[in-house]
Amino acid sequence: MTLIVSLLLIPACAGKDGSIVAQNGDKVKVDYTGTLSDGTVFDSSKGRTPLEFTVGAGQMIAGFDKAVVGMKVGQTKKITIPAAEAYGPSDPDMIVSVPRSKLPAGMKPKVGDQLGMTTSDGQQIPVRVVEVNTDNIKVDANHELAGQDLTFEITMVAITK
């Protein structure tokens, strides 16, 4: 009796040179450095474990997700993500005035302080103090990077199909 074995090869998505490239649904690991338009570094994986996520799963800001599609292991790219594909525009409705009488006794907030605020449905959200006066404080619940274009240098470390 002869046993015939056939092997079905399903090609992975490959770049022009035949290397495997990242696609939606792949788990990837990347090293990155994020900078603002003035060159200030706001986040980096340098000195830490590479960032791991599933491409296209909504775990990352939209522009970052799009940027890694088509990258191969070892490739580095620098991209600028417009605010709309990052943390969105700054929403003026997310800046609210809070009477000091609503603050915990003895609290002395300063501009720049990070606080937690509870919404009417009980959700805890981070806010930044942006103004302080005798009767009220003004807090901003926008993401701290809202309204800003972000530049990332991304290096693909690993792709798992």
N, C-alpha and C. Protein backbone atom coordinates (compact mmCIF):
# COMPACT_ATOMS: atom_id res chain seq x y z
N MET A 1 0.84 -1.17 0.00
CA MET A 1 0.00 0.00 0.00
C MET A 1 0.89 1.24 0.00
N THR A 2 0.57 2.15 -0.85
CA THR A 2 1.33 3.39 -0.95
C THR A 2 0.53 4.49 -0.31
N LEU A 3 1.17 5.24 0.53
CA LEU A 3 0.53 6.37 1.20
C LEU A 3 0.98 7.65 0.51
N ILE A 4 0.02 8.39 0.04
CA ILE A 4 0.34 9.64 -0.63
C ILE A 4 0.00 10.77 0.33
N VAL A 5 0.97 11.57 0.60
CA VAL A 5 0.79 12.70 1.49
C VAL A 5 0.90 13.97 0.66
N SER A 6 -0.10 14.79 0.80
CA SER A 6 0.02 16.08 0.11
C SER A 6 0.08 17.17 1.16
N LEU A 7 0.83 18.13 0.89
CA LEU A 7 1.02 19.24 1.80
C LEU A 7 0.43 20.48 1.16
N LEU A 8 -0.51 21.07 1.84
CA LEU A 8 -1.13 22.28 1.33
C LEU A 8 -0.43 23.46 1.96
N LEU A 9 0.19 24.24 1.14
CA LEU A 9 0.87 25.43 1.62
C LEU A 9 -0.03 26.63 1.40
N ILE A 10 -0.30 27.35 2.45
CA ILE A 10 -1.08 28.57 2.35
C ILE A 10 -0.11 29.71 2.57
N PRO A 11 0.14 30.49 1.54
CA PRO A 11 1.12 31.56 1.69
C PRO A 11 0.63 32.64 2.64
N ALA A 12 1.52 33.10 3.49
CA ALA A 12 1.20 34.25 4.34
C ALA A 12 1.32 35.50 3.49
N CYS A 13 0.75 36.57 3.95
CA CYS A 13 0.89 37.83 3.23
C CYS A 13 2.36 38.19 3.20
N ALA A 14 2.85 38.47 2.02
CA ALA A 14 4.27 38.74 1.88
C ALA A 14 4.50 40.06 1.16
N GLY A 15 5.62 40.65 1.50
CA GLY A 15 6.03 41.87 0.84
C GLY A 15 6.61 41.53 -0.53
N LYS A 16 7.04 42.55 -1.27
CA LYS A 16 7.58 42.36 -2.63
C LYS A 16 8.81 41.45 -2.62
N ASP A 17 9.56 41.46 -1.51
CA ASP A 17 10.75 40.64 -1.44
C ASP A 17 10.48 39.25 -0.85
N GLY A 18 9.18 38.92 -0.63
CA GLY A 18 8.83 37.61 -0.12
C GLY A 18 8.78 37.52 1.40
N SER A 19 9.15 38.58 2.10
CA SER A 19 9.13 38.55 3.56
C SER A 19 7.70 38.70 4.07
N ILE A 20 7.43 38.15 5.24
CA ILE A 20 6.10 38.25 5.85
C ILE A 20 5.88 39.68 6.34
N VAL A 21 4.69 40.19 6.06
CA VAL A 21 4.36 41.54 6.49
C VAL A 21 3.13 41.51 7.40
N ALA A 22 3.04 42.48 8.26
CA ALA A 22 1.93 42.57 9.21
C ALA A 22 0.62 42.91 8.50
N GLN A 23 -0.43 42.21 8.89
CA GLN A 23 -1.78 42.44 8.35
C GLN A 23 -2.78 42.47 9.51
N ASN A 24 -3.99 42.95 9.23
CA ASN A 24 -5.04 42.93 10.24
C ASN A 24 -5.21 41.52 10.78
N GLY A 25 -5.33 41.42 12.10
CA GLY A 25 -5.49 40.14 12.77
C GLY A 25 -4.20 39.54 13.28
N ASP A 26 -3.05 40.03 12.81
CA ASP A 26 -1.76 39.53 13.28
C ASP A 26 -1.45 40.11 14.66
N LYS A 27 -0.79 39.30 15.48
CA LYS A 27 -0.22 39.83 16.73
C LYS A 27 1.17 40.32 16.39
N VAL A 28 1.46 41.55 16.82
CA VAL A 28 2.77 42.12 16.52
C VAL A 28 3.40 42.66 17.80
N LYS A 29 4.71 42.79 17.73
CA LYS A 29 5.48 43.47 18.78
C LYS A 29 6.26 44.56 18.09
N VAL A 30 6.19 45.77 18.65
CA VAL A 30 6.90 46.90 18.07
C VAL A 30 7.62 47.69 19.16
N ASP A 31 8.72 48.29 18.76
CA ASP A 31 9.36 49.32 19.57
C ASP A 31 8.96 50.63 18.94
N TYR A 32 8.77 51.66 19.75
CA TYR A 32 8.30 52.94 19.21
C TYR A 32 8.78 54.09 20.09
N THR A 33 8.80 55.26 19.47
CA THR A 33 8.98 56.52 20.19
C THR A 33 7.98 57.49 19.60
N GLY A 34 7.18 58.11 20.47
CA GLY A 34 6.19 59.08 20.04
C GLY A 34 6.62 60.48 20.42
N THR A 35 6.53 61.40 19.44
CA THR A 35 6.93 62.79 19.70
C THR A 35 5.82 63.75 19.25
N LEU A 36 5.83 64.92 19.87
CA LEU A 36 4.92 66.00 19.49
C LEU A 36 5.56 66.81 18.37
N SER A 37 4.82 67.75 17.80
CA SER A 37 5.34 68.55 16.68
C SER A 37 6.58 69.35 17.05
N ASP A 38 6.76 69.66 18.35
CA ASP A 38 7.94 70.41 18.77
C ASP A 38 9.13 69.50 19.11
N GLY A 39 8.95 68.17 18.89
CA GLY A 39 10.03 67.22 19.14
C GLY A 39 10.01 66.60 20.53
N THR A 40 9.13 67.06 21.41
CA THR A 40 9.04 66.51 22.76
C THR A 40 8.59 65.05 22.70
N VAL A 41 9.34 64.17 23.38
CA VAL A 41 8.96 62.75 23.46
C VAL A 41 7.85 62.62 24.50
N PHE A 42 6.69 62.07 24.10
CA PHE A 42 5.60 61.88 25.05
C PHE A 42 5.48 60.42 25.51
N ASP A 43 6.07 59.49 24.75
CA ASP A 43 6.05 58.08 25.15
C ASP A 43 7.06 57.31 24.32
N SER A 44 7.59 56.25 24.90
CA SER A 44 8.56 55.42 24.20
C SER A 44 8.62 54.05 24.86
N SER A 45 8.89 53.03 24.05
CA SER A 45 9.07 51.68 24.59
C SER A 45 10.54 51.40 24.87
N LYS A 46 11.42 52.35 24.56
CA LYS A 46 12.86 52.14 24.77
C LYS A 46 13.12 51.81 26.24
N GLY A 47 13.88 50.75 26.46
CA GLY A 47 14.20 50.33 27.81
C GLY A 47 13.08 49.51 28.45
N ARG A 48 12.02 49.23 27.68
CA ARG A 48 10.90 48.43 28.18
C ARG A 48 10.66 47.28 27.20
N THR A 49 9.74 46.42 27.57
CA THR A 49 9.32 45.35 26.69
C THR A 49 8.62 45.96 25.48
N PRO A 50 8.85 45.43 24.27
CA PRO A 50 8.14 45.97 23.10
C PRO A 50 6.62 45.92 23.31
N LEU A 51 5.93 46.84 22.68
CA LEU A 51 4.48 46.91 22.74
C LEU A 51 3.90 45.79 21.90
N GLU A 52 2.97 45.02 22.47
CA GLU A 52 2.34 43.90 21.77
C GLU A 52 0.85 44.18 21.61
N PHE A 53 0.33 43.98 20.40
CA PHE A 53 -1.09 44.18 20.16
C PHE A 53 -1.51 43.42 18.91
N THR A 54 -2.82 43.31 18.71
CA THR A 54 -3.36 42.68 17.52
C THR A 54 -3.75 43.78 16.53
N VAL A 55 -3.18 43.72 15.35
CA VAL A 55 -3.41 44.74 14.33
C VAL A 55 -4.90 44.75 13.94
N GLY A 56 -5.48 45.94 13.95
CA GLY A 56 -6.86 46.10 13.52
C GLY A 56 -7.91 45.77 14.56
N ALA A 57 -7.49 45.43 15.78
CA ALA A 57 -8.44 45.02 16.82
C ALA A 57 -8.96 46.21 17.63
N GLY A 58 -8.52 47.42 17.29
CA GLY A 58 -9.00 48.59 18.03
C GLY A 58 -8.28 48.82 19.34
N GLN A 59 -7.16 48.16 19.55
CA GLN A 59 -6.38 48.32 20.78
C GLN A 59 -5.49 49.55 20.74
N MET A 60 -5.25 50.05 19.52
CA MET A 60 -4.36 51.19 19.31
C MET A 60 -5.13 52.32 18.66
N ILE A 61 -4.55 53.53 18.69
CA ILE A 61 -5.18 54.61 17.95
C ILE A 61 -5.16 54.23 16.46
N ALA A 62 -6.16 54.69 15.73
CA ALA A 62 -6.36 54.27 14.34
C ALA A 62 -5.12 54.46 13.46
N GLY A 63 -4.48 55.61 13.56
CA GLY A 63 -3.32 55.89 12.72
C GLY A 63 -2.14 54.97 12.99
N PHE A 64 -1.96 54.56 14.25
CA PHE A 64 -0.87 53.65 14.61
C PHE A 64 -1.15 52.28 14.02
N ASP A 65 -2.40 51.82 14.17
CA ASP A 65 -2.82 50.54 13.60
C ASP A 65 -2.54 50.50 12.10
N LYS A 66 -2.96 51.55 11.39
CA LYS A 66 -2.76 51.62 9.93
C LYS A 66 -1.28 51.61 9.57
N ALA A 67 -0.47 52.26 10.39
CA ALA A 67 0.96 52.41 10.08
C ALA A 67 1.71 51.09 10.08
N VAL A 68 1.31 50.14 10.92
CA VAL A 68 2.08 48.89 10.99
C VAL A 68 1.68 47.89 9.90
N VAL A 69 0.50 48.09 9.28
CA VAL A 69 0.08 47.19 8.21
C VAL A 69 1.10 47.29 7.06
N GLY A 70 1.60 46.14 6.65
CA GLY A 70 2.58 46.09 5.56
C GLY A 70 4.03 46.13 6.03
N MET A 71 4.25 46.36 7.32
CA MET A 71 5.63 46.37 7.81
C MET A 71 6.15 44.95 7.98
N LYS A 72 7.46 44.76 7.79
CA LYS A 72 8.08 43.47 8.01
C LYS A 72 9.03 43.57 9.22
N VAL A 73 9.38 42.42 9.78
CA VAL A 73 10.26 42.38 10.94
C VAL A 73 11.58 43.06 10.61
N GLY A 74 12.01 43.93 11.51
CA GLY A 74 13.26 44.67 11.34
C GLY A 74 13.09 46.02 10.66
N GLN A 75 11.93 46.24 10.05
CA GLN A 75 11.67 47.51 9.35
C GLN A 75 11.36 48.61 10.36
N THR A 76 11.85 49.80 10.08
CA THR A 76 11.55 50.99 10.89
C THR A 76 10.91 52.01 9.98
N LYS A 77 9.88 52.66 10.49
CA LYS A 77 9.23 53.73 9.71
C LYS A 77 8.88 54.86 10.66
N LYS A 78 8.87 56.06 10.10
CA LYS A 78 8.49 57.25 10.84
C LYS A 78 7.23 57.82 10.19
N ILE A 79 6.19 58.01 10.98
CA ILE A 79 4.92 58.50 10.45
C ILE A 79 4.38 59.60 11.34
N THR A 80 3.61 60.49 10.74
CA THR A 80 2.90 61.51 11.50
C THR A 80 1.42 61.21 11.38
N ILE A 81 0.77 61.10 12.54
CA ILE A 81 -0.65 60.77 12.60
C ILE A 81 -1.41 62.04 12.92
N PRO A 82 -2.34 62.45 12.04
CA PRO A 82 -3.13 63.64 12.35
C PRO A 82 -4.01 63.41 13.57
N ALA A 83 -4.33 64.48 14.28
CA ALA A 83 -5.12 64.39 15.51
C ALA A 83 -6.38 63.55 15.32
N ALA A 84 -7.03 63.68 14.18
CA ALA A 84 -8.27 62.95 13.92
C ALA A 84 -8.09 61.43 13.96
N GLU A 85 -6.87 60.93 13.65
CA GLU A 85 -6.59 59.50 13.69
C GLU A 85 -5.81 59.11 14.94
N ALA A 86 -5.66 60.06 15.85
CA ALA A 86 -4.97 59.81 17.11
C ALA A 86 -6.01 59.87 18.23
N TYR A 87 -6.01 60.94 19.00
CA TYR A 87 -6.94 61.07 20.11
C TYR A 87 -8.07 62.05 19.82
N GLY A 88 -8.21 62.43 18.55
CA GLY A 88 -9.30 63.30 18.13
C GLY A 88 -9.04 64.75 18.50
N PRO A 89 -9.98 65.61 18.10
CA PRO A 89 -9.84 67.03 18.44
C PRO A 89 -10.14 67.26 19.91
N SER A 90 -9.66 68.35 20.44
CA SER A 90 -9.99 68.72 21.81
C SER A 90 -11.43 69.22 21.81
N ASP A 91 -12.26 68.66 22.70
CA ASP A 91 -13.68 68.99 22.77
C ASP A 91 -13.91 69.99 23.90
N PRO A 92 -14.32 71.21 23.58
CA PRO A 92 -14.54 72.22 24.62
C PRO A 92 -15.60 71.82 25.65
N ASP A 93 -16.52 70.92 25.26
CA ASP A 93 -17.53 70.45 26.21
C ASP A 93 -16.95 69.55 27.29
N MET A 94 -15.71 69.10 27.08
CA MET A 94 -15.04 68.25 28.07
C MET A 94 -14.26 69.07 29.10
N ILE A 95 -14.36 70.39 29.01
CA ILE A 95 -13.74 71.28 30.00
C ILE A 95 -14.87 71.84 30.84
N VAL A 96 -14.87 71.49 32.11
CA VAL A 96 -15.99 71.86 32.98
C VAL A 96 -15.51 72.57 34.24
N SER A 97 -16.39 73.39 34.76
CA SER A 97 -16.13 74.11 35.99
C SER A 97 -16.76 73.33 37.14
N VAL A 98 -16.00 73.17 38.21
CA VAL A 98 -16.47 72.43 39.39
C VAL A 98 -16.40 73.36 40.60
N PRO A 99 -17.53 73.54 41.29
CA PRO A 99 -17.49 74.39 42.50
C PRO A 99 -16.56 73.78 43.55
N ARG A 100 -15.78 74.62 44.19
CA ARG A 100 -14.88 74.14 45.24
C ARG A 100 -15.64 73.40 46.33
N SER A 101 -16.90 73.76 46.55
CA SER A 101 -17.71 73.10 47.59
C SER A 101 -17.92 71.62 47.29
N LYS A 102 -17.72 71.20 46.04
CA LYS A 102 -17.86 69.79 45.65
C LYS A 102 -16.57 68.99 45.83
N LEU A 103 -15.49 69.70 46.15
CA LEU A 103 -14.20 69.02 46.34
C LEU A 103 -14.10 68.47 47.75
N PRO A 104 -13.30 67.41 47.93
CA PRO A 104 -13.07 66.89 49.27
C PRO A 104 -12.47 67.97 50.19
N ALA A 105 -12.84 67.94 51.45
CA ALA A 105 -12.34 68.92 52.43
C ALA A 105 -10.82 68.92 52.45
N GLY A 106 -10.25 70.10 52.45
CA GLY A 106 -8.79 70.24 52.54
C GLY A 106 -8.06 70.11 51.22
N MET A 107 -8.76 69.78 50.16
CA MET A 107 -8.09 69.64 48.86
C MET A 107 -7.67 71.01 48.35
N LYS A 108 -6.40 71.11 47.93
CA LYS A 108 -5.86 72.36 47.39
C LYS A 108 -5.31 72.11 45.99
N PRO A 109 -6.21 72.04 45.01
CA PRO A 109 -5.75 71.73 43.65
C PRO A 109 -4.94 72.86 43.04
N LYS A 110 -3.99 72.46 42.18
CA LYS A 110 -3.16 73.41 41.44
C LYS A 110 -3.29 73.10 39.96
N VAL A 111 -3.09 74.10 39.13
CA VAL A 111 -3.11 73.90 37.68
C VAL A 111 -2.08 72.82 37.34
N GLY A 112 -2.51 71.86 36.53
CA GLY A 112 -1.64 70.75 36.12
C GLY A 112 -1.88 69.48 36.91
N ASP A 113 -2.55 69.58 38.07
CA ASP A 113 -2.83 68.37 38.86
C ASP A 113 -3.70 67.40 38.08
N GLN A 114 -3.43 66.13 38.25
CA GLN A 114 -4.27 65.07 37.67
C GLN A 114 -5.22 64.61 38.77
N LEU A 115 -6.51 64.59 38.46
CA LEU A 115 -7.52 64.15 39.42
C LEU A 115 -8.40 63.10 38.78
N GLY A 116 -9.17 62.42 39.59
CA GLY A 116 -10.18 61.49 39.09
C GLY A 116 -11.54 62.11 39.33
N MET A 117 -12.41 61.98 38.34
CA MET A 117 -13.76 62.53 38.46
C MET A 117 -14.75 61.40 38.17
N THR A 118 -15.85 61.36 38.91
CA THR A 118 -16.85 60.33 38.69
C THR A 118 -18.01 60.91 37.89
N THR A 119 -18.36 60.24 36.80
CA THR A 119 -19.46 60.71 35.96
C THR A 119 -20.80 60.34 36.59
N SER A 120 -21.88 60.85 36.03
CA SER A 120 -23.22 60.59 36.58
C SER A 120 -23.57 59.10 36.54
N ASP A 121 -22.94 58.35 35.63
CA ASP A 121 -23.21 56.90 35.58
C ASP A 121 -22.20 56.08 36.39
N GLY A 122 -21.38 56.77 37.20
CA GLY A 122 -20.45 56.09 38.10
C GLY A 122 -19.10 55.74 37.51
N GLN A 123 -18.84 56.14 36.28
CA GLN A 123 -17.55 55.85 35.64
C GLN A 123 -16.50 56.83 36.13
N GLN A 124 -15.32 56.33 36.45
CA GLN A 124 -14.20 57.15 36.89
C GLN A 124 -13.39 57.57 35.67
N ILE A 125 -13.15 58.89 35.52
CA ILE A 125 -12.35 59.37 34.39
C ILE A 125 -11.25 60.30 34.91
N PRO A 126 -10.08 60.26 34.26
CA PRO A 126 -9.00 61.17 34.65
C PRO A 126 -9.25 62.57 34.09
N VAL A 127 -8.93 63.58 34.87
CA VAL A 127 -9.05 64.98 34.44
C VAL A 127 -7.80 65.73 34.87
N ARG A 128 -7.54 66.85 34.18
CA ARG A 128 -6.42 67.74 34.51
C ARG A 128 -6.99 69.06 34.95
N VAL A 129 -6.44 69.62 36.02
CA VAL A 129 -6.85 70.94 36.47
C VAL A 129 -6.21 71.97 35.53
N VAL A 130 -7.06 72.84 34.93
CA VAL A 130 -6.55 73.83 33.98
C VAL A 130 -6.72 75.26 34.48
N GLU A 131 -7.53 75.44 35.53
CA GLU A 131 -7.72 76.78 36.09
C GLU A 131 -8.21 76.64 37.53
N VAL A 132 -7.73 77.54 38.38
CA VAL A 132 -8.14 77.55 39.79
C VAL A 132 -8.47 78.98 40.18
N ASN A 133 -9.66 79.16 40.80
CA ASN A 133 -9.97 80.47 41.38
C ASN A 133 -10.63 80.25 42.73
N THR A 134 -11.07 81.30 43.38
CA THR A 134 -11.58 81.17 44.76
C THR A 134 -12.85 80.34 44.86
N ASP A 135 -13.72 80.36 43.85
CA ASP A 135 -15.00 79.66 43.94
C ASP A 135 -15.04 78.33 43.20
N ASN A 136 -14.24 78.21 42.13
CA ASN A 136 -14.32 77.02 41.26
C ASN A 136 -12.94 76.57 40.82
N ILE A 137 -12.92 75.35 40.32
CA ILE A 137 -11.76 74.90 39.55
C ILE A 137 -12.29 74.46 38.19
N LYS A 138 -11.47 74.58 37.17
CA LYS A 138 -11.85 74.13 35.84
C LYS A 138 -10.99 72.91 35.53
N VAL A 139 -11.65 71.83 35.08
CA VAL A 139 -10.93 70.60 34.76
C VAL A 139 -11.18 70.23 33.31
N ASP A 140 -10.19 69.57 32.71
CA ASP A 140 -10.24 69.16 31.32
C ASP A 140 -10.23 67.63 31.28
N ALA A 141 -11.31 67.04 30.74
CA ALA A 141 -11.42 65.59 30.65
C ALA A 141 -10.98 65.06 29.28
N ASN A 142 -10.52 65.94 28.39
CA ASN A 142 -9.97 65.48 27.11
C ASN A 142 -8.71 64.68 27.37
N HIS A 143 -8.41 63.72 26.49
CA HIS A 143 -7.13 63.03 26.58
C HIS A 143 -6.04 64.09 26.46
N GLU A 144 -4.96 63.94 27.18
CA GLU A 144 -3.91 64.96 27.19
C GLU A 144 -3.29 65.19 25.80
N LEU A 145 -3.45 64.24 24.88
CA LEU A 145 -2.91 64.40 23.53
C LEU A 145 -3.98 64.76 22.50
N ALA A 146 -5.21 65.01 22.96
CA ALA A 146 -6.29 65.39 22.04
C ALA A 146 -5.91 66.69 21.34
N GLY A 147 -6.24 66.75 20.06
CA GLY A 147 -5.98 67.95 19.27
C GLY A 147 -4.57 68.07 18.74
N GLN A 148 -3.74 67.06 18.99
CA GLN A 148 -2.34 67.14 18.55
C GLN A 148 -2.02 66.08 17.52
N ASP A 149 -1.25 66.48 16.50
CA ASP A 149 -0.70 65.52 15.56
C ASP A 149 0.47 64.84 16.26
N LEU A 150 0.59 63.54 16.06
CA LEU A 150 1.62 62.76 16.75
C LEU A 150 2.56 62.10 15.74
N THR A 151 3.85 62.14 16.02
CA THR A 151 4.83 61.48 15.17
C THR A 151 5.37 60.27 15.90
N PHE A 152 5.43 59.15 15.20
CA PHE A 152 5.96 57.91 15.79
C PHE A 152 7.06 57.36 14.91
N GLU A 153 8.13 56.91 15.55
CA GLU A 153 9.12 56.07 14.88
C GLU A 153 8.84 54.67 15.39
N ILE A 154 8.50 53.77 14.47
CA ILE A 154 8.07 52.42 14.82
C ILE A 154 9.04 51.41 14.20
N THR A 155 9.48 50.45 15.00
CA THR A 155 10.29 49.34 14.49
C THR A 155 9.55 48.05 14.77
N MET A 156 9.30 47.26 13.71
CA MET A 156 8.62 45.97 13.85
C MET A 156 9.60 44.96 14.43
N VAL A 157 9.22 44.38 15.57
CA VAL A 157 10.08 43.42 16.26
C VAL A 157 9.66 41.98 15.95
N ALA A 158 8.35 41.72 15.91
CA ALA A 158 7.86 40.36 15.67
C ALA A 158 6.45 40.40 15.10
N ILE A 159 6.15 39.38 14.28
CA ILE A 159 4.81 39.20 13.71
C ILE A 159 4.41 37.74 13.92
N THR A 160 3.23 37.53 14.52
CA THR A 160 2.70 36.20 14.68
C THR A 160 1.41 36.10 13.89
N LYS A 161 1.38 35.23 12.91
CA LYS A 161 0.21 35.06 12.05
C LYS A 161 -0.84 34.22 12.74
